[in-house]
Amino acid sequence: MQANDFDSYLRSFDYDERVAMKIQLPELLKLYAADKVQLIDIRFHEEYRAWQVGIGQHIPLNELPDRLGELDPAKTIVTMCPHYDRAEIARLYLTLKGYHSRYLTDGMLGIVNHLRGDTARDYMALLDN
């Protein structure tokens, strides 16, 4: 884990990074079940209290700088919010702090849409094993 400044990040930004900074739901769910990613819900407290997806850890974006100690630097940190705008801000921040981070392109609404009925049952059973 090595911290970068924003200027250096922008100078090195290329097509590979454009792909690497994103993760789609199927890959996320596979890596999460394998305990290879730390999934962070970066929404505000009020949003979190209103609804949750049942996986991941809640660290609001505005608390992230003070809660970096809760992140596992050995894992890829995946940030999520309902869509992806705030998740991308969090991902960029974490990348500049030296974490390997990606943001969920499907957003939490994508998780909600995917993990329904027997798909939710089967995935949660996979996590329990």
Foldseek 3Di string as FASTA:
>chain_A
DDAADPVVCVVPDDPVVVVQQEDEDVVVLVCVLVVQEAEEEQDDPVVVVVDDLPDHYYDHLVCCVVVVVVDDQRHEYEYAYQAWPSRSVSSVVVVNVPGRYHYYRRGVVNSVVQLDDVNVVVSVVSSVD
